[in-house]
Every structure is written in C-alpha cells, then in structure tokens.
Amino acid sequence: MTLPITEKQFGQQVMQLARLRGWRIYRTWNSMHSPAGFPDLCMVRLARVIFAELKSDKGKATPEQEAWLADLEATGKVEAYLWRPSDFGAITEILR
C-alpha cells in the first residue's frame, strides 16, 4: 500500500521538475499577508507563464482559489491549473 503524498511533498516534486526543465519559479514563502486564493506557483520560461494551485489528491480548492485560476486563464495570456499528485503525468508534459 502506498502512503498518500502530502501537498508539501507534491509541491517539492513539481518545483524540482520545473527547475530541471528550465522554468523560473516563484512561490510565496508565507501567504499570511497575501491575497486569499492566489496560486501556489508562478512559473516562467521563454514566452510562457504558468500559475498552478497545488492540492493533495483529496484536497479541495477554495472559492477564492478557483476564482484566481479562472480570472488568470480568462486573460488568454497565461496558463492556470489546479494540479494534484494524480496529474503528475500531465504536469510532466505541460512543463516539457
């Protein structure tokens, strides 16, 4: 039986993959004074900008997180995702 991965462990895996693929990454160290729901990661490489909210496989996005992702995606200029450990194969392709 495999133990579920924590959101923190998952975030570390995503950031390691992104760095290996040449992405510049921003992650807020302490979100206490940041706007509610702002995505966990902002990644930039060449002409692409990706915002990603990271959740465990059972974690639920808050309405504020969903609103941020929808508003960012609606710009048509950036990519915005809600990623879970079960999405790692797709994440690998997206960060290619």
PDB file of N, CA and C in Angstrom:
ATOM      1  N   MET A   1       0.832  -1.179   0.000  1.00  0.00           N
ATOM      2  CA  MET A   1       0.000   0.000   0.000  1.00  0.00           C
ATOM      3  C   MET A   1       0.886   1.256   0.000  1.00  0.00           C
ATOM      4  N   THR A   2       0.563   2.212  -0.841  1.00  0.00           N
ATOM      5  CA  THR A   2       1.320   3.448  -0.949  1.00  0.00           C
ATOM      6  C   THR A   2       0.686   4.521  -0.074  1.00  0.00           C
ATOM      7  N   LEU A   3       1.516   5.219   0.696  1.00  0.00           N
ATOM      8  CA  LEU A   3       1.008   6.315   1.512  1.00  0.00           C
ATOM      9  C   LEU A   3       0.707   7.511   0.627  1.00  0.00           C
ATOM     10  N   PRO A   4      -0.346   8.263   0.943  1.00  0.00           N
ATOM     11  CA  PRO A   4      -0.644   9.442   0.129  1.00  0.00           C
ATOM     12  C   PRO A   4       0.455  10.498   0.286  1.00  0.00           C
ATOM     13  N   ILE A   5       0.727  11.193  -0.782  1.00  0.00           N
ATOM     14  CA  ILE A   5       1.737  12.246  -0.769  1.00  0.00           C
ATOM     15  C   ILE A   5       1.106  13.512  -0.192  1.00  0.00           C
ATOM     16  N   THR A   6       1.871  14.238   0.598  1.00  0.00           N
ATOM     17  CA  THR A   6       1.355  15.487   1.156  1.00  0.00           C
ATOM     18  C   THR A   6       1.442  16.593   0.108  1.00  0.00           C
ATOM     19  N   GLU A   7       0.703  17.663   0.342  1.00  0.00           N
ATOM     20  CA  GLU A   7       0.755  18.807  -0.570  1.00  0.00           C
ATOM     21  C   GLU A   7       2.161  19.400  -0.606  1.00  0.00           C
ATOM     22  N   LYS A   8       2.832  19.441   0.547  1.00  0.00           N
ATOM     23  CA  LYS A   8       4.192  19.972   0.605  1.00  0.00           C
ATOM     24  C   LYS A   8       5.144  19.116  -0.237  1.00  0.00           C
ATOM     25  N   GLN A   9       5.072  17.786  -0.087  1.00  0.00           N
ATOM     26  CA  GLN A   9       5.926  16.888  -0.875  1.00  0.00           C
ATOM     27  C   GLN A   9       5.629  17.038  -2.367  1.00  0.00           C
ATOM     28  N   PHE A  10       4.365  17.134  -2.697  1.00  0.00           N
ATOM     29  CA  PHE A  10       3.965  17.303  -4.089  1.00  0.00           C
ATOM     30  C   PHE A  10       4.533  18.599  -4.652  1.00  0.00           C
ATOM     31  N   GLY A  11       4.425  19.677  -3.892  1.00  0.00           N
ATOM     32  CA  GLY A  11       4.978  20.958  -4.340  1.00  0.00           C
ATOM     33  C   GLY A  11       6.469  20.870  -4.602  1.00  0.00           C
ATOM     34  N   GLN A  12       7.188  20.158  -3.740  1.00  0.00           N
ATOM     35  CA  GLN A  12       8.624  19.989  -3.934  1.00  0.00           C
ATOM     36  C   GLN A  12       8.916  19.217  -5.213  1.00  0.00           C
ATOM     37  N   GLN A  13       8.118  18.196  -5.504  1.00  0.00           N
ATOM     38  CA  GLN A  13       8.302  17.421  -6.740  1.00  0.00           C
ATOM     39  C   GLN A  13       8.051  18.283  -7.976  1.00  0.00           C
ATOM     40  N   VAL A  14       6.988  19.071  -7.946  1.00  0.00           N
ATOM     41  CA  VAL A  14       6.665  19.930  -9.093  1.00  0.00           C
ATOM     42  C   VAL A  14       7.773  20.949  -9.302  1.00  0.00           C
ATOM     43  N   MET A  15       8.234  21.574  -8.224  1.00  0.00           N
ATOM     44  CA  MET A  15       9.294  22.585  -8.370  1.00  0.00           C
ATOM     45  C   MET A  15      10.595  21.959  -8.860  1.00  0.00           C
ATOM     46  N   GLN A  16      10.922  20.765  -8.391  1.00  0.00           N
ATOM     47  CA  GLN A  16      12.138  20.094  -8.861  1.00  0.00           C
ATOM     48  C   GLN A  16      12.039  19.802 -10.361  1.00  0.00           C
ATOM     49  N   LEU A  17      10.897  19.293 -10.793  1.00  0.00           N
ATOM     50  CA  LEU A  17      10.691  19.026 -12.211  1.00  0.00           C
ATOM     51  C   LEU A  17      10.794  20.307 -13.028  1.00  0.00           C
ATOM     52  N   ALA A  18      10.140  21.362 -12.564  1.00  0.00           N
ATOM     53  CA  ALA A  18      10.162  22.632 -13.295  1.00  0.00           C
ATOM     54  C   ALA A  18      11.582  23.174 -13.412  1.00  0.00           C
ATOM     55  N   ARG A  19      12.341  23.123 -12.331  1.00  0.00           N
ATOM     56  CA  ARG A  19      13.732  23.605 -12.379  1.00  0.00           C
ATOM     57  C   ARG A  19      14.558  22.785 -13.372  1.00  0.00           C
ATOM     58  N   LEU A  20      14.372  21.466 -13.366  1.00  0.00           N
ATOM     59  CA  LEU A  20      15.101  20.608 -14.305  1.00  0.00           C
ATOM     60  C   LEU A  20      14.771  20.961 -15.753  1.00  0.00           C
ATOM     61  N   ARG A  21      13.558  21.443 -15.973  1.00  0.00           N
ATOM     62  CA  ARG A  21      13.118  21.797 -17.318  1.00  0.00           C
ATOM     63  C   ARG A  21      13.384  23.264 -17.661  1.00  0.00           C
ATOM     64  N   GLY A  22      14.059  23.994 -16.780  1.00  0.00           N
ATOM     65  CA  GLY A  22      14.465  25.364 -17.080  1.00  0.00           C
ATOM     66  C   GLY A  22      13.459  26.446 -16.758  1.00  0.00           C
ATOM     67  N   TRP A  23      12.469  26.157 -15.920  1.00  0.00           N
ATOM     68  CA  TRP A  23      11.470  27.158 -15.538  1.00  0.00           C
ATOM     69  C   TRP A  23      11.993  28.006 -14.388  1.00  0.00           C
ATOM     70  N   ARG A  24      11.677  29.300 -14.410  1.00  0.00           N
ATOM     71  CA  ARG A  24      11.918  30.189 -13.277  1.00  0.00           C
ATOM     72  C   ARG A  24      10.659  30.110 -12.419  1.00  0.00           C
ATOM     73  N   ILE A  25      10.831  29.915 -11.105  1.00  0.00           N
ATOM     74  CA  ILE A  25       9.699  29.622 -10.232  1.00  0.00           C
ATOM     75  C   ILE A  25       9.593  30.661  -9.117  1.00  0.00           C
ATOM     76  N   TYR A  26       8.355  31.079  -8.843  1.00  0.00           N
ATOM     77  CA  TYR A  26       8.075  31.897  -7.667  1.00  0.00           C
ATOM     78  C   TYR A  26       7.040  31.166  -6.825  1.00  0.00           C
ATOM     79  N   ARG A  27       7.332  31.055  -5.534  1.00  0.00           N
ATOM     80  CA  ARG A  27       6.375  30.500  -4.581  1.00  0.00           C
ATOM     81  C   ARG A  27       6.423  31.388  -3.339  1.00  0.00           C
ATOM     82  N   THR A  28       5.276  31.872  -2.918  1.00  0.00           N
ATOM     83  CA  THR A  28       5.220  32.718  -1.732  1.00  0.00           C
ATOM     84  C   THR A  28       5.662  31.913  -0.516  1.00  0.00           C
ATOM     85  N   TRP A  29       6.582  32.465   0.250  1.00  0.00           N
ATOM     86  CA  TRP A  29       7.107  31.776   1.425  1.00  0.00           C
ATOM     87  C   TRP A  29       6.042  31.680   2.513  1.00  0.00           C
ATOM     88  N   ASN A  30       5.375  32.800   2.796  1.00  0.00           N
ATOM     89  CA  ASN A  30       4.345  32.839   3.827  1.00  0.00           C
ATOM     90  C   ASN A  30       3.190  33.670   3.287  1.00  0.00           C
ATOM     91  N   SER A  31       2.064  33.043   3.059  1.00  0.00           N
ATOM     92  CA  SER A  31       0.939  33.722   2.407  1.00  0.00           C
ATOM     93  C   SER A  31       0.043  34.489   3.372  1.00  0.00           C
ATOM     94  N   MET A  32       0.454  34.639   4.614  1.00  0.00           N
ATOM     95  CA  MET A  32      -0.385  35.270   5.625  1.00  0.00           C
ATOM     96  C   MET A  32      -0.880  36.657   5.204  1.00  0.00           C
ATOM     97  N   HIS A  33      -0.056  37.439   4.549  1.00  0.00           N
ATOM     98  CA  HIS A  33      -0.439  38.802   4.169  1.00  0.00           C
ATOM     99  C   HIS A  33      -0.685  38.941   2.670  1.00  0.00           C
ATOM    100  N   SER A  34      -0.863  37.830   1.988  1.00  0.00           N
ATOM    101  CA  SER A  34      -1.124  37.837   0.543  1.00  0.00           C
ATOM    102  C   SER A  34      -2.623  37.738   0.284  1.00  0.00           C
ATOM    103  N   PRO A  35      -3.058  38.126  -0.911  1.00  0.00           N
ATOM    104  CA  PRO A  35      -4.484  37.992  -1.237  1.00  0.00           C
ATOM    105  C   PRO A  35      -4.939  36.534  -1.133  1.00  0.00           C
ATOM    106  N   ALA A  36      -6.103  36.330  -0.580  1.00  0.00           N
ATOM    107  CA  ALA A  36      -6.649  34.978  -0.414  1.00  0.00           C
ATOM    108  C   ALA A  36      -6.791  34.297  -1.765  1.00  0.00           C
ATOM    109  N   GLY A  37      -6.337  33.053  -1.820  1.00  0.00           N
ATOM    110  CA  GLY A  37      -6.548  32.234  -3.002  1.00  0.00           C
ATOM    111  C   GLY A  37      -5.514  32.357  -4.094  1.00  0.00           C
ATOM    112  N   PHE A  38      -4.528  33.258  -3.961  1.00  0.00           N
ATOM    113  CA  PHE A  38      -3.538  33.401  -5.023  1.00  0.00           C
ATOM    114  C   PHE A  38      -2.817  32.070  -5.208  1.00  0.00           C
ATOM    115  N   PRO A  39      -2.575  31.639  -6.466  1.00  0.00           N
ATOM    116  CA  PRO A  39      -1.986  30.320  -6.732  1.00  0.00           C
ATOM    117  C   PRO A  39      -0.633  30.104  -6.046  1.00  0.00           C
ATOM    118  N   ASP A  40      -0.346  28.849  -5.764  1.00  0.00           N
ATOM    119  CA  ASP A  40       0.885  28.468  -5.075  1.00  0.00           C
ATOM    120  C   ASP A  40       2.143  28.774  -5.876  1.00  0.00           C
ATOM    121  N   LEU A  41       2.095  28.524  -7.179  1.00  0.00           N
ATOM    122  CA  LEU A  41       3.285  28.685  -8.014  1.00  0.00           C
ATOM    123  C   LEU A  41       3.031  29.601  -9.187  1.00  0.00           C
ATOM    124  N   CYS A  42       4.052  30.386  -9.515  1.00  0.00           N
ATOM    125  CA  CYS A  42       4.097  31.125 -10.769  1.00  0.00           C
ATOM    126  C   CYS A  42       5.394  30.698 -11.431  1.00  0.00           C
ATOM    127  N   MET A  43       5.302  30.225 -12.675  1.00  0.00           N
ATOM    128  CA  MET A  43       6.475  29.719 -13.389  1.00  0.00           C
ATOM    129  C   MET A  43       6.568  30.394 -14.758  1.00  0.00           C
ATOM    130  N   VAL A  44       7.786  30.746 -15.133  1.00  0.00           N
ATOM    131  CA  VAL A  44       8.023  31.452 -16.398  1.00  0.00           C
ATOM    132  C   VAL A  44       9.159  30.778 -17.140  1.00  0.00           C
ATOM    133  N   ARG A  45       8.951  30.572 -18.432  1.00  0.00           N
ATOM    134  CA  ARG A  45      10.023  30.083 -19.301  1.00  0.00           C
ATOM    135  C   ARG A  45       9.721  30.564 -20.697  1.00  0.00           C
ATOM    136  N   LEU A  46      10.683  31.291 -21.262  1.00  0.00           N
ATOM    137  CA  LEU A  46      10.528  31.872 -22.591  1.00  0.00           C
ATOM    138  C   LEU A  46       9.230  32.679 -22.643  1.00  0.00           C
ATOM    139  N   ALA A  47       8.321  32.359 -23.549  1.00  0.00           N
ATOM    140  CA  ALA A  47       7.098  33.157 -23.712  1.00  0.00           C
ATOM    141  C   ALA A  47       5.904  32.576 -22.963  1.00  0.00           C
ATOM    142  N   ARG A  48       6.148  31.664 -22.034  1.00  0.00           N
ATOM    143  CA  ARG A  48       5.043  31.032 -21.299  1.00  0.00           C
ATOM    144  C   ARG A  48       5.057  31.432 -19.832  1.00  0.00           C
ATOM    145  N   VAL A  49       3.858  31.630 -19.306  1.00  0.00           N
ATOM    146  CA  VAL A  49       3.662  31.890 -17.881  1.00  0.00           C
ATOM    147  C   VAL A  49       2.600  30.912 -17.390  1.00  0.00           C
ATOM    148  N   ILE A  50       2.932  30.198 -16.325  1.00  0.00           N
ATOM    149  CA  ILE A  50       2.011  29.223 -15.743  1.00  0.00           C
ATOM    150  C   ILE A  50       1.784  29.557 -14.272  1.00  0.00           C
ATOM    151  N   PHE A  51       0.519  29.578 -13.873  1.00  0.00           N
ATOM    152  CA  PHE A  51       0.130  29.667 -12.472  1.00  0.00           C
ATOM    153  C   PHE A  51      -0.454  28.316 -12.098  1.00  0.00           C
ATOM    154  N   ALA A  52      -0.072  27.790 -10.942  1.00  0.00           N
ATOM    155  CA  ALA A  52      -0.575  26.485 -10.521  1.00  0.00           C
ATOM    156  C   ALA A  52      -0.957  26.505  -9.049  1.00  0.00           C
ATOM    157  N   GLU A  53      -2.144  26.037  -8.785  1.00  0.00           N
ATOM    158  CA  GLU A  53      -2.585  25.774  -7.413  1.00  0.00           C
ATOM    159  C   GLU A  53      -2.355  24.286  -7.172  1.00  0.00           C
ATOM    160  N   LEU A  54      -1.692  23.949  -6.083  1.00  0.00           N
ATOM    161  CA  LEU A  54      -1.346  22.565  -5.787  1.00  0.00           C
ATOM    162  C   LEU A  54      -2.209  22.042  -4.647  1.00  0.00           C
ATOM    163  N   LYS A  55      -2.760  20.867  -4.848  1.00  0.00           N
ATOM    164  CA  LYS A  55      -3.595  20.229  -3.835  1.00  0.00           C
ATOM    165  C   LYS A  55      -3.219  18.761  -3.725  1.00  0.00           C
ATOM    166  N   SER A  56      -3.469  18.182  -2.563  1.00  0.00           N
ATOM    167  CA  SER A  56      -3.350  16.732  -2.434  1.00  0.00           C
ATOM    168  C   SER A  56      -4.475  16.117  -3.263  1.00  0.00           C
ATOM    169  N   ASP A  57      -4.427  14.813  -3.447  1.00  0.00           N
ATOM    170  CA  ASP A  57      -5.466  14.175  -4.257  1.00  0.00           C
ATOM    171  C   ASP A  57      -6.858  14.343  -3.660  1.00  0.00           C
ATOM    172  N   LYS A  58      -6.936  14.544  -2.369  1.00  0.00           N
ATOM    173  CA  LYS A  58      -8.245  14.730  -1.728  1.00  0.00           C
ATOM    174  C   LYS A  58      -8.515  16.177  -1.338  1.00  0.00           C
ATOM    175  N   GLY A  59      -7.537  17.068  -1.559  1.00  0.00           N
ATOM    176  CA  GLY A  59      -7.687  18.472  -1.184  1.00  0.00           C
ATOM    177  C   GLY A  59      -8.704  19.189  -2.059  1.00  0.00           C
ATOM    178  N   LYS A  60      -9.371  20.179  -1.487  1.00  0.00           N
ATOM    179  CA  LYS A  60     -10.399  20.925  -2.207  1.00  0.00           C
ATOM    180  C   LYS A  60      -9.966  22.373  -2.357  1.00  0.00           C
ATOM    181  N   ALA A  61     -10.096  22.901  -3.561  1.00  0.00           N
ATOM    182  CA  ALA A  61      -9.790  24.307  -3.810  1.00  0.00           C
ATOM    183  C   ALA A  61     -10.873  25.179  -3.176  1.00  0.00           C
ATOM    184  N   THR A  62     -10.458  26.299  -2.618  1.00  0.00           N
ATOM    185  CA  THR A  62     -11.412  27.241  -2.056  1.00  0.00           C
ATOM    186  C   THR A  62     -12.054  28.042  -3.195  1.00  0.00           C
ATOM    187  N   PRO A  63     -13.183  28.674  -2.947  1.00  0.00           N
ATOM    188  CA  PRO A  63     -13.779  29.534  -3.983  1.00  0.00           C
ATOM    189  C   PRO A  63     -12.812  30.627  -4.449  1.00  0.00           C
ATOM    190  N   GLU A  64     -12.012  31.179  -3.527  1.00  0.00           N
ATOM    191  CA  GLU A  64     -11.041  32.218  -3.908  1.00  0.00           C
ATOM    192  C   GLU A  64      -9.966  31.650  -4.833  1.00  0.00           C
ATOM    193  N   GLN A  65      -9.506  30.431  -4.563  1.00  0.00           N
ATOM    194  CA  GLN A  65      -8.504  29.802  -5.430  1.00  0.00           C
ATOM    195  C   GLN A  65      -9.084  29.545  -6.816  1.00  0.00           C
ATOM    196  N   GLU A  66     -10.292  29.040  -6.867  1.00  0.00           N
ATOM    197  CA  GLU A  66     -10.943  28.794  -8.162  1.00  0.00           C
ATOM    198  C   GLU A  66     -11.133  30.093  -8.930  1.00  0.00           C
ATOM    199  N   ALA A  67     -11.499  31.173  -8.235  1.00  0.00           N
ATOM    200  CA  ALA A  67     -11.704  32.464  -8.897  1.00  0.00           C
ATOM    201  C   ALA A  67     -10.401  33.002  -9.478  1.00  0.00           C
ATOM    202  N   TRP A  68      -9.294  32.915  -8.705  1.00  0.00           N
ATOM    203  CA  TRP A  68      -7.997  33.359  -9.222  1.00  0.00           C
ATOM    204  C   TRP A  68      -7.616  32.597 -10.492  1.00  0.00           C
ATOM    205  N   LEU A  69      -7.755  31.269 -10.447  1.00  0.00           N
ATOM    206  CA  LEU A  69      -7.390  30.461 -11.615  1.00  0.00           C
ATOM    207  C   LEU A  69      -8.261  30.818 -12.819  1.00  0.00           C
ATOM    208  N   ALA A  70      -9.549  30.989 -12.607  1.00  0.00           N
ATOM    209  CA  ALA A  70     -10.455  31.341 -13.711  1.00  0.00           C
ATOM    210  C   ALA A  70     -10.119  32.711 -14.278  1.00  0.00           C
ATOM    211  N   ASP A  71      -9.866  33.687 -13.414  1.00  0.00           N
ATOM    212  CA  ASP A  71      -9.543  35.035 -13.893  1.00  0.00           C
ATOM    213  C   ASP A  71      -8.213  35.068 -14.641  1.00  0.00           C
ATOM    214  N   LEU A  72      -7.225  34.336 -14.135  1.00  0.00           N
ATOM    215  CA  LEU A  72      -5.931  34.285 -14.830  1.00  0.00           C
ATOM    216  C   LEU A  72      -6.072  33.629 -16.197  1.00  0.00           C
ATOM    217  N   GLU A  73      -6.769  32.511 -16.252  1.00  0.00           N
ATOM    218  CA  GLU A  73      -6.970  31.798 -17.517  1.00  0.00           C
ATOM    219  C   GLU A  73      -7.758  32.656 -18.506  1.00  0.00           C
ATOM    220  N   ALA A  74      -8.707  33.431 -18.012  1.00  0.00           N
ATOM    221  CA  ALA A  74      -9.553  34.262 -18.878  1.00  0.00           C
ATOM    222  C   ALA A  74      -8.769  35.354 -19.605  1.00  0.00           C
ATOM    223  N   THR A  75      -7.576  35.674 -19.120  1.00  0.00           N
ATOM    224  CA  THR A  75      -6.780  36.691 -19.813  1.00  0.00           C
ATOM    225  C   THR A  75      -6.350  36.209 -21.196  1.00  0.00           C
ATOM    226  N   GLY A  76      -6.271  34.898 -21.369  1.00  0.00           N
ATOM    227  CA  GLY A  76      -5.795  34.342 -22.626  1.00  0.00           C
ATOM    228  C   GLY A  76      -4.299  34.503 -22.821  1.00  0.00           C
ATOM    229  N   LYS A  77      -3.600  34.983 -21.801  1.00  0.00           N
ATOM    230  CA  LYS A  77      -2.163  35.238 -21.916  1.00  0.00           C
ATOM    231  C   LYS A  77      -1.323  34.328 -21.024  1.00  0.00           C
ATOM    232  N   VAL A  78      -1.960  33.670 -20.071  1.00  0.00           N
ATOM    233  CA  VAL A  78      -1.240  32.766 -19.169  1.00  0.00           C
ATOM    234  C   VAL A  78      -2.009  31.458 -19.072  1.00  0.00           C
ATOM    235  N   GLU A  79      -1.327  30.450 -18.546  1.00  0.00           N
ATOM    236  CA  GLU A  79      -1.958  29.163 -18.280  1.00  0.00           C
ATOM    237  C   GLU A  79      -2.186  29.057 -16.776  1.00  0.00           C
ATOM    238  N   ALA A  80      -3.323  28.538 -16.382  1.00  0.00           N
ATOM    239  CA  ALA A  80      -3.642  28.400 -14.964  1.00  0.00           C
ATOM    240  C   ALA A  80      -4.201  27.002 -14.714  1.00  0.00           C
ATOM    241  N   TYR A  81      -3.652  26.328 -13.711  1.00  0.00           N
ATOM    242  CA  TYR A  81      -4.006  24.935 -13.458  1.00  0.00           C
ATOM    243  C   TYR A  81      -4.251  24.677 -11.974  1.00  0.00           C
ATOM    244  N   LEU A  82      -5.077  23.694 -11.707  1.00  0.00           N
ATOM    245  CA  LEU A  82      -5.217  23.080 -10.394  1.00  0.00           C
ATOM    246  C   LEU A  82      -4.598  21.698 -10.541  1.00  0.00           C
ATOM    247  N   TRP A  83      -3.466  21.475  -9.882  1.00  0.00           N
ATOM    248  CA  TRP A  83      -2.725  20.230 -10.025  1.00  0.00           C
ATOM    249  C   TRP A  83      -2.761  19.406  -8.753  1.00  0.00           C
ATOM    250  N   ARG A  84      -2.863  18.080  -8.954  1.00  0.00           N
ATOM    251  CA  ARG A  84      -2.845  17.104  -7.873  1.00  0.00           C
ATOM    252  C   ARG A  84      -1.787  16.047  -8.209  1.00  0.00           C
ATOM    253  N   PRO A  85      -1.322  15.296  -7.205  1.00  0.00           N
ATOM    254  CA  PRO A  85      -0.329  14.249  -7.496  1.00  0.00           C
ATOM    255  C   PRO A  85      -0.770  13.299  -8.607  1.00  0.00           C
ATOM    256  N   SER A  86      -2.045  13.011  -8.697  1.00  0.00           N
ATOM    257  CA  SER A  86      -2.533  12.106  -9.744  1.00  0.00           C
ATOM    258  C   SER A  86      -2.398  12.710 -11.140  1.00  0.00           C
ATOM    259  N   ASP A  87      -2.099  14.014 -11.233  1.00  0.00           N
ATOM    260  CA  ASP A  87      -1.916  14.695 -12.519  1.00  0.00           C
ATOM    261  C   ASP A  87      -0.456  14.720 -12.960  1.00  0.00           C
ATOM    262  N   PHE A  88       0.445  14.032 -12.246  1.00  0.00           N
ATOM    263  CA  PHE A  88       1.874  14.223 -12.495  1.00  0.00           C
ATOM    264  C   PHE A  88       2.285  13.911 -13.932  1.00  0.00           C
ATOM    265  N   GLY A  89       1.671  12.927 -14.558  1.00  0.00           N
ATOM    266  CA  GLY A  89       1.982  12.637 -15.958  1.00  0.00           C
ATOM    267  C   GLY A  89       1.661  13.831 -16.858  1.00  0.00           C
ATOM    268  N   ALA A  90       0.508  14.431 -16.664  1.00  0.00           N
ATOM    269  CA  ALA A  90       0.117  15.620 -17.452  1.00  0.00           C
ATOM    270  C   ALA A  90       1.019  16.804 -17.127  1.00  0.00           C
ATOM    271  N   ILE A  91       1.378  16.956 -15.861  1.00  0.00           N
ATOM    272  CA  ILE A  91       2.274  18.049 -15.458  1.00  0.00           C
ATOM    273  C   ILE A  91       3.615  17.925 -16.167  1.00  0.00           C
ATOM    274  N   THR A  92       4.112  16.708 -16.238  1.00  0.00           N
ATOM    275  CA  THR A  92       5.373  16.447 -16.938  1.00  0.00           C
ATOM    276  C   THR A  92       5.294  16.913 -18.393  1.00  0.00           C
ATOM    277  N   GLU A  93       4.189  16.655 -19.052  1.00  0.00           N
ATOM    278  CA  GLU A  93       4.002  17.099 -20.441  1.00  0.00           C
ATOM    279  C   GLU A  93       3.880  18.609 -20.538  1.00  0.00           C
ATOM    280  N   ILE A  94       3.131  19.218 -19.644  1.00  0.00           N
ATOM    281  CA  ILE A  94       2.916  20.663 -19.672  1.00  0.00           C
ATOM    282  C   ILE A  94       4.232  21.405 -19.461  1.00  0.00           C
ATOM    283  N   LEU A  95       5.079  20.903 -18.590  1.00  0.00           N
ATOM    284  CA  LEU A  95       6.355  21.564 -18.283  1.00  0.00           C
ATOM    285  C   LEU A  95       7.473  21.171 -19.230  1.00  0.00           C
ATOM    286  N   ARG A  96       7.166  20.406 -20.258  1.00  0.00           N
ATOM    287  CA  ARG A  96       8.167  19.948 -21.219  1.00  0.00           C
ATOM    288  C   ARG A  96       8.849  21.087 -21.918  1.00  0.00           C
TER     289      ARG A  96
END
